[in-house]
Amino acid sequence: MERGFGVDPAALSAYGTTASGLADEVAAIGTATLSGVDALPADSFGRIGEEVGLGAAFREAARAQVDGVAAAAAGLSALAGEVSRTGAAYVEQEARHSADFTRAYQG
């Protein structure tokens, strides 16, 4: 049985690409679905609703949903980028180590 640590750079690259696409989809769908949800007029729940702040509370909750979707998309996009960069950094590090071992062996 093989022991040790291994990294699959192709899997990291594929994950980064997939996650990036998902981030774009979350942003697009969230923006389209929630577009205008926070644009209710102050009196949309009637005079009593306006007096007690129901419209303002709804707009605030709707804005939080819009902001939450944007934050989720941004977080997923950042994760995708970091995973891709990690894979690339691992490949570069392995190439440097290989060159170092080759030089040490020859020198």
Foldseek 3Di string as FASTA:
>chain_A
DDDDDDDDLVVLLVLLVVLLVVLVVLLVVLCVVLPPQLVDDLQPVHPVCNVVVVNVVSSVVSVVSSVVSNVVSVVSNVVSVVSNVVSVVVVVVVVVVVVVVVVVVVD
